[in-house]
PDB file of all heavy atoms in Angstrom:
ATOM      1  N   ASN A   1      46.216  54.920 -45.415  1.00  0.00           N
ATOM      2  CA  ASN A   1      47.456  55.639 -45.612  1.00  0.00           C
ATOM      3  C   ASN A   1      47.156  57.085 -45.952  1.00  0.00           C
ATOM      4  O   ASN A   1      46.000  57.489 -46.002  1.00  0.00           O
ATOM      5  CB  ASN A   1      48.283  54.992 -46.739  1.00  0.00           C
ATOM      6  CG  ASN A   1      47.475  54.815 -48.012  1.00  0.00           C
ATOM      7  OD1 ASN A   1      46.916  55.770 -48.515  1.00  0.00           O
ATOM      8  ND2 ASN A   1      47.410  53.590 -48.516  1.00  0.00           N
ATOM      9  N   ASP A   2      48.188  57.861 -46.173  1.00  0.00           N
ATOM     10  CA  ASP A   2      48.019  59.258 -46.523  1.00  0.00           C
ATOM     11  C   ASP A   2      48.372  59.498 -47.987  1.00  0.00           C
ATOM     12  O   ASP A   2      48.802  60.592 -48.351  1.00  0.00           O
ATOM     13  CB  ASP A   2      48.860  60.150 -45.612  1.00  0.00           C
ATOM     14  CG  ASP A   2      48.252  60.254 -44.219  1.00  0.00           C
ATOM     15  OD1 ASP A   2      47.023  60.253 -44.125  1.00  0.00           O
ATOM     16  OD2 ASP A   2      49.009  60.351 -43.251  1.00  0.00           O
ATOM     17  N   PHE A   3      48.182  58.480 -48.793  1.00  0.00           N
ATOM     18  CA  PHE A   3      48.386  58.637 -50.218  1.00  0.00           C
ATOM     19  C   PHE A   3      47.029  58.863 -50.902  1.00  0.00           C
ATOM     20  O   PHE A   3      46.032  58.250 -50.539  1.00  0.00           O
ATOM     21  CB  PHE A   3      49.068  57.404 -50.818  1.00  0.00           C
ATOM     22  CG  PHE A   3      50.482  57.217 -50.339  1.00  0.00           C
ATOM     23  CD1 PHE A   3      50.766  56.270 -49.354  1.00  0.00           C
ATOM     24  CD2 PHE A   3      51.517  57.996 -50.840  1.00  0.00           C
ATOM     25  CE1 PHE A   3      52.054  56.102 -48.878  1.00  0.00           C
ATOM     26  CE2 PHE A   3      52.807  57.829 -50.372  1.00  0.00           C
ATOM     27  CZ  PHE A   3      53.081  56.875 -49.406  1.00  0.00           C
ATOM     28  N   PRO A   4      46.989  59.711 -51.929  1.00  0.00           N
ATOM     29  CA  PRO A   4      45.728  59.981 -52.606  1.00  0.00           C
ATOM     30  C   PRO A   4      45.147  58.737 -53.270  1.00  0.00           C
ATOM     31  O   PRO A   4      45.866  57.794 -53.585  1.00  0.00           O
ATOM     32  CB  PRO A   4      46.093  61.043 -53.654  1.00  0.00           C
ATOM     33  CG  PRO A   4      47.350  61.644 -53.156  1.00  0.00           C
ATOM     34  CD  PRO A   4      48.089  60.546 -52.456  1.00  0.00           C
ATOM     35  N   LEU A   5      43.833  58.763 -53.480  1.00  0.00           N
ATOM     36  CA  LEU A   5      43.102  57.670 -54.112  1.00  0.00           C
ATOM     37  C   LEU A   5      42.798  57.989 -55.570  1.00  0.00           C
ATOM     38  O   LEU A   5      42.623  59.138 -55.937  1.00  0.00           O
ATOM     39  CB  LEU A   5      41.789  57.419 -53.375  1.00  0.00           C
ATOM     40  CG  LEU A   5      41.851  56.991 -51.923  1.00  0.00           C
ATOM     41  CD1 LEU A   5      40.464  57.127 -51.289  1.00  0.00           C
ATOM     42  CD2 LEU A   5      42.352  55.558 -51.811  1.00  0.00           C
ATOM     43  N   ALA A   6      42.681  56.942 -56.359  1.00  0.00           N
ATOM     44  CA  ALA A   6      42.172  57.067 -57.722  1.00  0.00           C
ATOM     45  C   ALA A   6      40.725  56.596 -57.791  1.00  0.00           C
ATOM     46  O   ALA A   6      40.038  56.847 -58.786  1.00  0.00           O
ATOM     47  CB  ALA A   6      43.027  56.259 -58.706  1.00  0.00           C
ATOM     48  N   SER A   7      40.266  55.949 -56.736  1.00  0.00           N
ATOM     49  CA  SER A   7      38.936  55.337 -56.742  1.00  0.00           C
ATOM     50  C   SER A   7      37.821  56.385 -56.679  1.00  0.00           C
ATOM     51  O   SER A   7      37.983  57.474 -56.154  1.00  0.00           O
ATOM     52  CB  SER A   7      38.792  54.365 -55.576  1.00  0.00           C
ATOM     53  OG  SER A   7      38.721  55.074 -54.350  1.00  0.00           O
ATOM     54  N   CYS A   8      36.663  55.985 -57.234  1.00  0.00           N
ATOM     55  CA  CYS A   8      35.473  56.838 -57.257  1.00  0.00           C
ATOM     56  C   CYS A   8      34.258  55.968 -56.959  1.00  0.00           C
ATOM     57  O   CYS A   8      34.303  54.744 -57.121  1.00  0.00           O
ATOM     58  CB  CYS A   8      35.287  57.498 -58.599  1.00  0.00           C
ATOM     59  SG  CYS A   8      36.695  58.511 -59.132  1.00  0.00           S
ATOM     60  N   GLU A   9      33.168  56.600 -56.548  1.00  0.00           N
ATOM     61  CA  GLU A   9      31.936  55.882 -56.305  1.00  0.00           C
ATOM     62  C   GLU A   9      30.749  56.817 -56.501  1.00  0.00           C
ATOM     63  O   GLU A   9      30.889  58.039 -56.506  1.00  0.00           O
ATOM     64  CB  GLU A   9      31.926  55.266 -54.904  1.00  0.00           C
ATOM     65  CG  GLU A   9      32.231  56.213 -53.757  1.00  0.00           C
ATOM     66  CD  GLU A   9      32.400  55.458 -52.436  1.00  0.00           C
ATOM     67  OE1 GLU A   9      31.410  54.827 -52.000  1.00  0.00           O
ATOM     68  OE2 GLU A   9      33.511  55.493 -51.884  1.00  0.00           O
ATOM     69  N   VAL A  10      29.583  56.179 -56.727  1.00  0.00           N
ATOM     70  CA  VAL A  10      28.372  56.957 -57.025  1.00  0.00           C
ATOM     71  C   VAL A  10      27.273  56.629 -56.009  1.00  0.00           C
ATOM     72  O   VAL A  10      27.003  55.461 -55.727  1.00  0.00           O
ATOM     73  CB  VAL A  10      27.859  56.656 -58.444  1.00  0.00           C
ATOM     74  CG1 VAL A  10      26.527  57.332 -58.680  1.00  0.00           C
ATOM     75  CG2 VAL A  10      28.887  57.110 -59.477  1.00  0.00           C
ATOM     76  N   TYR A  11      26.671  57.670 -55.449  1.00  0.00           N
ATOM     77  CA  TYR A  11      25.525  57.506 -54.569  1.00  0.00           C
ATOM     78  C   TYR A  11      24.260  57.446 -55.392  1.00  0.00           C
ATOM     79  O   TYR A  11      23.953  58.374 -56.167  1.00  0.00           O
ATOM     80  CB  TYR A  11      25.427  58.673 -53.571  1.00  0.00           C
ATOM     81  CG  TYR A  11      24.241  58.608 -52.642  1.00  0.00           C
ATOM     82  CD1 TYR A  11      24.220  57.723 -51.578  1.00  0.00           C
ATOM     83  CD2 TYR A  11      23.128  59.428 -52.849  1.00  0.00           C
ATOM     84  CE1 TYR A  11      23.152  57.652 -50.713  1.00  0.00           C
ATOM     85  CE2 TYR A  11      22.045  59.380 -51.981  1.00  0.00           C
ATOM     86  CZ  TYR A  11      22.059  58.492 -50.926  1.00  0.00           C
ATOM     87  OH  TYR A  11      20.983  58.426 -50.068  1.00  0.00           O
ATOM     88  N   GLN A  12      23.537  56.339 -55.252  1.00  0.00           N
ATOM     89  CA  GLN A  12      22.277  56.166 -55.969  1.00  0.00           C
ATOM     90  C   GLN A  12      21.142  56.767 -55.109  1.00  0.00           C
ATOM     91  O   GLN A  12      20.751  56.194 -54.095  1.00  0.00           O
ATOM     92  CB  GLN A  12      22.023  54.676 -56.216  1.00  0.00           C
ATOM     93  CG  GLN A  12      23.148  53.973 -56.949  1.00  0.00           C
ATOM     94  CD  GLN A  12      23.286  54.406 -58.390  1.00  0.00           C
ATOM     95  OE1 GLN A  12      22.295  54.773 -59.030  1.00  0.00           O
ATOM     96  NE2 GLN A  12      24.508  54.389 -58.911  1.00  0.00           N
ATOM     97  N   ALA A  13      20.668  57.939 -55.507  1.00  0.00           N
ATOM     98  CA  ALA A  13      19.692  58.660 -54.706  1.00  0.00           C
ATOM     99  C   ALA A  13      18.389  57.879 -54.518  1.00  0.00           C
ATOM    100  O   ALA A  13      17.726  58.004 -53.486  1.00  0.00           O
ATOM    101  CB  ALA A  13      19.415  60.012 -55.333  1.00  0.00           C
ATOM    102  N   ALA A  14      18.007  57.087 -55.496  1.00  0.00           N
ATOM    103  CA  ALA A  14      16.737  56.348 -55.410  1.00  0.00           C
ATOM    104  C   ALA A  14      16.772  55.228 -54.392  1.00  0.00           C
ATOM    105  O   ALA A  14      15.762  54.909 -53.762  1.00  0.00           O
ATOM    106  CB  ALA A  14      16.365  55.787 -56.791  1.00  0.00           C
ATOM    107  N   THR A  15      17.944  54.639 -54.192  1.00  0.00           N
ATOM    108  CA  THR A  15      18.052  53.476 -53.280  1.00  0.00           C
ATOM    109  C   THR A  15      18.856  53.794 -52.010  1.00  0.00           C
ATOM    110  O   THR A  15      18.859  52.993 -51.076  1.00  0.00           O
ATOM    111  CB  THR A  15      18.725  52.305 -54.013  1.00  0.00           C
ATOM    112  OG1 THR A  15      20.054  52.699 -54.416  1.00  0.00           O
ATOM    113  CG2 THR A  15      17.932  51.907 -55.223  1.00  0.00           C
ATOM    114  N   GLY A  16      19.529  54.936 -51.983  1.00  0.00           N
ATOM    115  CA  GLY A  16      20.336  55.266 -50.807  1.00  0.00           C
ATOM    116  C   GLY A  16      21.558  54.396 -50.651  1.00  0.00           C
ATOM    117  O   GLY A  16      22.014  54.174 -49.531  1.00  0.00           O
ATOM    118  N   THR A  17      22.099  53.927 -51.745  1.00  0.00           N
ATOM    119  CA  THR A  17      23.274  53.048 -51.700  1.00  0.00           C
ATOM    120  C   THR A  17      24.391  53.622 -52.565  1.00  0.00           C
ATOM    121  O   THR A  17      24.166  54.444 -53.446  1.00  0.00           O
ATOM    122  CB  THR A  17      22.928  51.635 -52.218  1.00  0.00           C
ATOM    123  OG1 THR A  17      22.418  51.731 -53.554  1.00  0.00           O
ATOM    124  CG2 THR A  17      21.861  50.984 -51.321  1.00  0.00           C
ATOM    125  N   TRP A  18      25.604  53.148 -52.296  1.00  0.00           N
ATOM    126  CA  TRP A  18      26.793  53.544 -53.052  1.00  0.00           C
ATOM    127  C   TRP A  18      27.277  52.398 -53.933  1.00  0.00           C
ATOM    128  O   TRP A  18      27.256  51.261 -53.512  1.00  0.00           O
ATOM    129  CB  TRP A  18      27.918  53.959 -52.102  1.00  0.00           C
ATOM    130  CG  TRP A  18      27.625  55.200 -51.324  1.00  0.00           C
ATOM    131  CD1 TRP A  18      26.951  55.273 -50.122  1.00  0.00           C
ATOM    132  CD2 TRP A  18      27.996  56.531 -51.653  1.00  0.00           C
ATOM    133  NE1 TRP A  18      26.888  56.581 -49.695  1.00  0.00           N
ATOM    134  CE2 TRP A  18      27.525  57.370 -50.619  1.00  0.00           C
ATOM    135  CE3 TRP A  18      28.687  57.098 -52.729  1.00  0.00           C
ATOM    136  CZ2 TRP A  18      27.725  58.749 -50.612  1.00  0.00           C
ATOM    137  CZ3 TRP A  18      28.906  58.477 -52.739  1.00  0.00           C
ATOM    138  CH2 TRP A  18      28.403  59.289 -51.703  1.00  0.00           C
ATOM    139  N   GLN A  19      27.722  52.751 -55.127  1.00  0.00           N
ATOM    140  CA  GLN A  19      28.294  51.767 -56.064  1.00  0.00           C
ATOM    141  C   GLN A  19      29.647  52.249 -56.572  1.00  0.00           C
ATOM    142  O   GLN A  19      29.819  53.440 -56.836  1.00  0.00           O
ATOM    143  CB  GLN A  19      27.354  51.543 -57.239  1.00  0.00           C
ATOM    144  CG  GLN A  19      26.022  50.886 -56.881  1.00  0.00           C
ATOM    145  CD  GLN A  19      25.138  50.653 -58.084  1.00  0.00           C
ATOM    146  OE1 GLN A  19      25.464  51.043 -59.202  1.00  0.00           O
ATOM    147  NE2 GLN A  19      24.001  50.028 -57.871  1.00  0.00           N
ATOM    148  N   THR A  20      30.587  51.319 -56.678  1.00  0.00           N
ATOM    149  CA  THR A  20      31.905  51.664 -57.181  1.00  0.00           C
ATOM    150  C   THR A  20      31.798  52.129 -58.620  1.00  0.00           C
ATOM    151  O   THR A  20      31.097  51.538 -59.437  1.00  0.00           O
ATOM    152  CB  THR A  20      32.851  50.464 -57.087  1.00  0.00           C
ATOM    153  OG1 THR A  20      32.951  50.055 -55.708  1.00  0.00           O
ATOM    154  CG2 THR A  20      34.239  50.813 -57.599  1.00  0.00           C
ATOM    155  N   ALA A  21      32.513  53.206 -58.940  1.00  0.00           N
ATOM    156  CA  ALA A  21      32.581  53.717 -60.307  1.00  0.00           C
ATOM    157  C   ALA A  21      33.993  53.524 -60.839  1.00  0.00           C
ATOM    158  O   ALA A  21      34.904  53.151 -60.101  1.00  0.00           O
ATOM    159  CB  ALA A  21      32.184  55.196 -60.335  1.00  0.00           C
ATOM    160  N   ALA A  22      34.164  53.758 -62.135  1.00  0.00           N
ATOM    161  CA  ALA A  22      35.490  53.638 -62.731  1.00  0.00           C
ATOM    162  C   ALA A  22      36.475  54.557 -62.017  1.00  0.00           C
ATOM    163  O   ALA A  22      36.139  55.695 -61.649  1.00  0.00           O
ATOM    164  CB  ALA A  22      35.414  53.951 -64.214  1.00  0.00           C
ATOM    165  N   GLY A  23      37.706  54.085 -61.821  1.00  0.00           N
ATOM    166  CA  GLY A  23      38.725  54.869 -61.166  1.00  0.00           C
ATOM    167  C   GLY A  23      39.467  55.766 -62.148  1.00  0.00           C
ATOM    168  O   GLY A  23      39.520  55.522 -63.363  1.00  0.00           O
ATOM    169  N   MET A  24      40.038  56.847 -61.617  1.00  0.00           N
ATOM    170  CA  MET A  24      40.823  57.770 -62.451  1.00  0.00           C
ATOM    171  C   MET A  24      42.156  57.151 -62.841  1.00  0.00           C
ATOM    172  O   MET A  24      42.618  56.174 -62.235  1.00  0.00           O
ATOM    173  CB  MET A  24      41.060  59.073 -61.672  1.00  0.00           C
ATOM    174  CG  MET A  24      39.808  59.845 -61.350  1.00  0.00           C
ATOM    175  SD  MET A  24      40.154  61.326 -60.369  1.00  0.00           S
ATOM    176  CE  MET A  24      40.552  60.581 -58.760  1.00  0.00           C
ATOM    177  N   ALA A  25      42.802  57.743 -63.838  1.00  0.00           N
ATOM    178  CA  ALA A  25      44.141  57.319 -64.224  1.00  0.00           C
ATOM    179  C   ALA A  25      45.172  57.759 -63.196  1.00  0.00           C
ATOM    180  O   ALA A  25      46.181  57.085 -62.970  1.00  0.00           O
ATOM    181  CB  ALA A  25      44.492  57.865 -65.605  1.00  0.00           C
ATOM    182  N   MET A  26      44.896  58.894 -62.538  1.00  0.00           N
ATOM    183  CA  MET A  26      45.804  59.446 -61.524  1.00  0.00           C
ATOM    184  C   MET A  26      45.148  59.402 -60.153  1.00  0.00           C
ATOM    185  O   MET A  26      43.928  59.505 -60.039  1.00  0.00           O
ATOM    186  CB  MET A  26      46.145  60.893 -61.861  1.00  0.00           C
ATOM    187  CG  MET A  26      46.940  61.075 -63.136  1.00  0.00           C
ATOM    188  SD  MET A  26      48.656  60.528 -62.983  1.00  0.00           S
ATOM    189  CE  MET A  26      49.252  61.677 -61.733  1.00  0.00           C
ATOM    190  N   THR A  27      45.977  59.264 -59.127  1.00  0.00           N
ATOM    191  CA  THR A  27      45.452  59.416 -57.763  1.00  0.00           C
ATOM    192  C   THR A  27      45.351  60.911 -57.447  1.00  0.00           C
ATOM    193  O   THR A  27      46.217  61.695 -57.865  1.00  0.00           O
ATOM    194  CB  THR A  27      46.396  58.740 -56.748  1.00  0.00           C
ATOM    195  OG1 THR A  27      47.709  59.320 -56.874  1.00  0.00           O
ATOM    196  CG2 THR A  27      46.468  57.242 -56.997  1.00  0.00           C
ATOM    197  N   ARG A  28      44.311  61.298 -56.727  1.00  0.00           N
ATOM    198  CA  ARG A  28      44.080  62.712 -56.455  1.00  0.00           C
ATOM    199  C   ARG A  28      43.463  62.945 -55.077  1.00  0.00           C
ATOM    200  O   ARG A  28      42.658  62.150 -54.616  1.00  0.00           O
ATOM    201  CB  ARG A  28      43.134  63.336 -57.493  1.00  0.00           C
ATOM    202  CG  ARG A  28      43.617  63.237 -58.923  1.00  0.00           C
ATOM    203  CD  ARG A  28      42.638  63.865 -59.891  1.00  0.00           C
ATOM    204  NE  ARG A  28      43.023  63.560 -61.262  1.00  0.00           N
ATOM    205  CZ  ARG A  28      43.910  64.252 -61.942  1.00  0.00           C
ATOM    206  NH1 ARG A  28      44.490  65.298 -61.397  1.00  0.00           N
ATOM    207  NH2 ARG A  28      44.226  63.912 -63.183  1.00  0.00           N
ATOM    208  N   ALA A  29      43.864  64.053 -54.456  1.00  0.00           N
ATOM    209  CA  ALA A  29      43.242  64.529 -53.231  1.00  0.00           C
ATOM    210  C   ALA A  29      43.452  66.038 -53.169  1.00  0.00           C
ATOM    211  O   ALA A  29      44.415  66.560 -53.735  1.00  0.00           O
ATOM    212  CB  ALA A  29      43.863  63.859 -52.008  1.00  0.00           C
ATOM    213  N   GLY A  30      42.537  66.741 -52.518  1.00  0.00           N
ATOM    214  CA  GLY A  30      42.652  68.198 -52.468  1.00  0.00           C
ATOM    215  C   GLY A  30      42.432  68.857 -53.820  1.00  0.00           C
ATOM    216  O   GLY A  30      42.858  69.982 -54.038  1.00  0.00           O
ATOM    217  N   HIS A  31      41.775  68.169 -54.728  1.00  0.00           N
ATOM    218  CA  HIS A  31      41.568  68.639 -56.075  1.00  0.00           C
ATOM    219  C   HIS A  31      40.232  69.364 -56.206  1.00  0.00           C
ATOM    220  O   HIS A  31      39.506  69.528 -55.223  1.00  0.00           O
ATOM    221  CB  HIS A  31      41.620  67.442 -57.056  1.00  0.00           C
ATOM    222  CG  HIS A  31      40.686  66.325 -56.642  1.00  0.00           C
ATOM    223  ND1 HIS A  31      40.980  65.460 -55.620  1.00  0.00           N
ATOM    224  CD2 HIS A  31      39.470  65.968 -57.089  1.00  0.00           C
ATOM    225  CE1 HIS A  31      39.995  64.607 -55.460  1.00  0.00           C
ATOM    226  NE2 HIS A  31      39.059  64.900 -56.349  1.00  0.00           N
ATOM    227  N   ALA A  32      39.891  69.735 -57.437  1.00  0.00           N
ATOM    228  CA  ALA A  32      38.604  70.396 -57.712  1.00  0.00           C
ATOM    229  C   ALA A  32      37.894  69.643 -58.817  1.00  0.00           C
ATOM    230  O   ALA A  32      38.523  69.009 -59.653  1.00  0.00           O
ATOM    231  CB  ALA A  32      38.827  71.846 -58.129  1.00  0.00           C
ATOM    232  N   ALA A  33      36.566  69.696 -58.807  1.00  0.00           N
ATOM    233  CA  ALA A  33      35.757  69.042 -59.820  1.00  0.00           C
ATOM    234  C   ALA A  33      34.592  69.940 -60.200  1.00  0.00           C
ATOM    235  O   ALA A  33      34.048  70.670 -59.352  1.00  0.00           O
ATOM    236  CB  ALA A  33      35.242  67.702 -59.323  1.00  0.00           C
ATOM    237  N   VAL A  34      34.217  69.911 -61.473  1.00  0.00           N
ATOM    238  CA  VAL A  34      33.088  70.710 -61.941  1.00  0.00           C
ATOM    239  C   VAL A  34      32.363  69.943 -63.057  1.00  0.00           C
ATOM    240  O   VAL A  34      32.989  69.254 -63.860  1.00  0.00           O
ATOM    241  CB  VAL A  34      33.563  72.096 -62.450  1.00  0.00           C
ATOM    242  CG1 VAL A  34      34.483  71.958 -63.653  1.00  0.00           C
ATOM    243  CG2 VAL A  34      32.392  73.006 -62.754  1.00  0.00           C
ATOM    244  N   LYS A  35      31.037  70.039 -63.081  1.00  0.00           N
ATOM    245  CA  LYS A  35      30.256  69.383 -64.109  1.00  0.00           C
ATOM    246  C   LYS A  35      30.129  70.305 -65.312  1.00  0.00           C
ATOM    247  O   LYS A  35      29.752  71.475 -65.181  1.00  0.00           O
ATOM    248  CB  LYS A  35      28.869  69.010 -63.582  1.00  0.00           C
ATOM    249  CG  LYS A  35      28.038  68.205 -64.568  1.00  0.00           C
ATOM    250  CD  LYS A  35      26.719  67.768 -63.967  1.00  0.00           C
ATOM    251  CE  LYS A  35      25.793  68.937 -63.686  1.00  0.00           C
ATOM    252  NZ  LYS A  35      24.469  68.516 -63.201  1.00  0.00           N
ATOM    253  N   LEU A  36      30.420  69.772 -66.500  1.00  0.00           N
ATOM    254  CA  LEU A  36      30.314  70.524 -67.734  1.00  0.00           C
ATOM    255  C   LEU A  36      28.870  70.527 -68.240  1.00  0.00           C
ATOM    256  O   LEU A  36      28.008  69.795 -67.720  1.00  0.00           O
ATOM    257  CB  LEU A  36      31.226  69.932 -68.785  1.00  0.00           C
ATOM    258  CG  LEU A  36      32.716  69.819 -68.400  1.00  0.00           C
ATOM    259  CD1 LEU A  36      33.522  69.212 -69.559  1.00  0.00           C
ATOM    260  CD2 LEU A  36      33.281  71.157 -67.982  1.00  0.00           C
ATOM    261  N   ARG A  37      28.618  71.324 -69.251  1.00  0.00           N
ATOM    262  CA  ARG A  37      27.266  71.435 -69.796  1.00  0.00           C
ATOM    263  C   ARG A  37      26.737  70.121 -70.359  1.00  0.00           C
ATOM    264  O   ARG A  37      25.542  69.846 -70.333  1.00  0.00           O
ATOM    265  CB  ARG A  37      27.237  72.506 -70.904  1.00  0.00           C
ATOM    266  CG  ARG A  37      27.235  73.940 -70.367  1.00  0.00           C
ATOM    267  CD  ARG A  37      27.130  74.910 -71.535  1.00  0.00           C
ATOM    268  NE  ARG A  37      26.913  76.267 -71.070  1.00  0.00           N
ATOM    269  CZ  ARG A  37      26.826  77.320 -71.896  1.00  0.00           C
ATOM    270  NH1 ARG A  37      26.939  77.131 -73.211  1.00  0.00           N
ATOM    271  NH2 ARG A  37      26.620  78.520 -71.416  1.00  0.00           N
ATOM    272  N   ASP A  38      27.640  69.300 -70.885  1.00  0.00           N
ATOM    273  CA  ASP A  38      27.202  68.037 -71.466  1.00  0.00           C
ATOM    274  C   ASP A  38      27.089  66.918 -70.456  1.00  0.00           C
ATOM    275  O   ASP A  38      26.837  65.761 -70.815  1.00  0.00           O
ATOM    276  CB  ASP A  38      28.149  67.622 -72.605  1.00  0.00           C
ATOM    277  CG  ASP A  38      29.579  67.409 -72.136  1.00  0.00           C
ATOM    278  OD1 ASP A  38      29.846  67.440 -70.906  1.00  0.00           O
ATOM    279  OD2 ASP A  38      30.481  67.250 -73.008  1.00  0.00           O
ATOM    280  N   GLY A  39      27.280  67.220 -69.186  1.00  0.00           N
ATOM    281  CA  GLY A  39      27.114  66.222 -68.131  1.00  0.00           C
ATOM    282  C   GLY A  39      28.403  65.551 -67.708  1.00  0.00           C
ATOM    283  O   GLY A  39      28.435  64.848 -66.686  1.00  0.00           O
ATOM    284  N   ARG A  40      29.479  65.706 -68.481  1.00  0.00           N
ATOM    285  CA  ARG A  40      30.765  65.144 -68.072  1.00  0.00           C
ATOM    286  C   ARG A  40      31.333  65.929 -66.890  1.00  0.00           C
ATOM    287  O   ARG A  40      30.924  67.063 -66.630  1.00  0.00           O
ATOM    288  CB  ARG A  40      31.730  65.151 -69.246  1.00  0.00           C
ATOM    289  CG  ARG A  40      31.366  64.203 -70.390  1.00  0.00           C
ATOM    290  CD  ARG A  40      32.417  64.290 -71.492  1.00  0.00           C
ATOM    291  NE  ARG A  40      32.513  65.641 -72.023  1.00  0.00           N
ATOM    292  CZ  ARG A  40      33.516  66.073 -72.809  1.00  0.00           C
ATOM    293  NH1 ARG A  40      34.504  65.237 -73.123  1.00  0.00           N
ATOM    294  NH2 ARG A  40      33.525  67.303 -73.272  1.00  0.00           N
ATOM    295  N   VAL A  41      32.284  65.321 -66.199  1.00  0.00           N
ATOM    296  CA  VAL A  41      32.863  65.934 -65.014  1.00  0.00           C
ATOM    297  C   VAL A  41      34.352  66.149 -65.248  1.00  0.00           C
ATOM    298  O   VAL A  41      35.088  65.222 -65.592  1.00  0.00           O
ATOM    299  CB  VAL A  41      32.662  65.050 -63.770  1.00  0.00           C
ATOM    300  CG1 VAL A  41      33.318  65.687 -62.544  1.00  0.00           C
ATOM    301  CG2 VAL A  41      31.170  64.844 -63.513  1.00  0.00           C
ATOM    302  N   LEU A  42      34.810  67.390 -65.055  1.00  0.00           N
ATOM    303  CA  LEU A  42      36.229  67.739 -65.164  1.00  0.00           C
ATOM    304  C   LEU A  42      36.855  67.718 -63.781  1.00  0.00           C
ATOM    305  O   LEU A  42      36.324  68.310 -62.841  1.00  0.00           O
ATOM    306  CB  LEU A  42      36.384  69.119 -65.784  1.00  0.00           C
ATOM    307  CG  LEU A  42      37.816  69.671 -65.834  1.00  0.00           C
ATOM    308  CD1 LEU A  42      38.694  68.871 -66.805  1.00  0.00           C
ATOM    309  CD2 LEU A  42      37.811  71.164 -66.207  1.00  0.00           C
ATOM    310  N   VAL A  43      38.001  67.035 -63.653  1.00  0.00           N
ATOM    311  CA  VAL A  43      38.735  66.972 -62.402  1.00  0.00           C
ATOM    312  C   VAL A  43      40.168  67.418 -62.660  1.00  0.00           C
ATOM    313  O   VAL A  43      40.790  66.998 -63.655  1.00  0.00           O
ATOM    314  CB  VAL A  43      38.733  65.539 -61.823  1.00  0.00           C
ATOM    315  CG1 VAL A  43      39.639  65.455 -60.607  1.00  0.00           C
ATOM    316  CG2 VAL A  43      37.315  65.139 -61.436  1.00  0.00           C
ATOM    317  N   ALA A  44      40.714  68.260 -61.786  1.00  0.00           N
ATOM    318  CA  ALA A  44      42.073  68.764 -61.972  1.00  0.00           C
ATOM    319  C   ALA A  44      42.615  69.280 -60.649  1.00  0.00           C
ATOM    320  O   ALA A  44      41.869  69.488 -59.682  1.00  0.00           O
ATOM    321  CB  ALA A  44      42.099  69.890 -63.009  1.00  0.00           C
TER     322      ALA A  44
END
């Protein structure tokens, strides 16, 4: 569909595989993301 997703996933560089990660509270598309100094990721 053309509705935004809340789902996320992580690419494991060592194995070349993807794993499902925790989903966001909101569905999002066309958004921006940036990694903070403490390693957390801000999405808005």
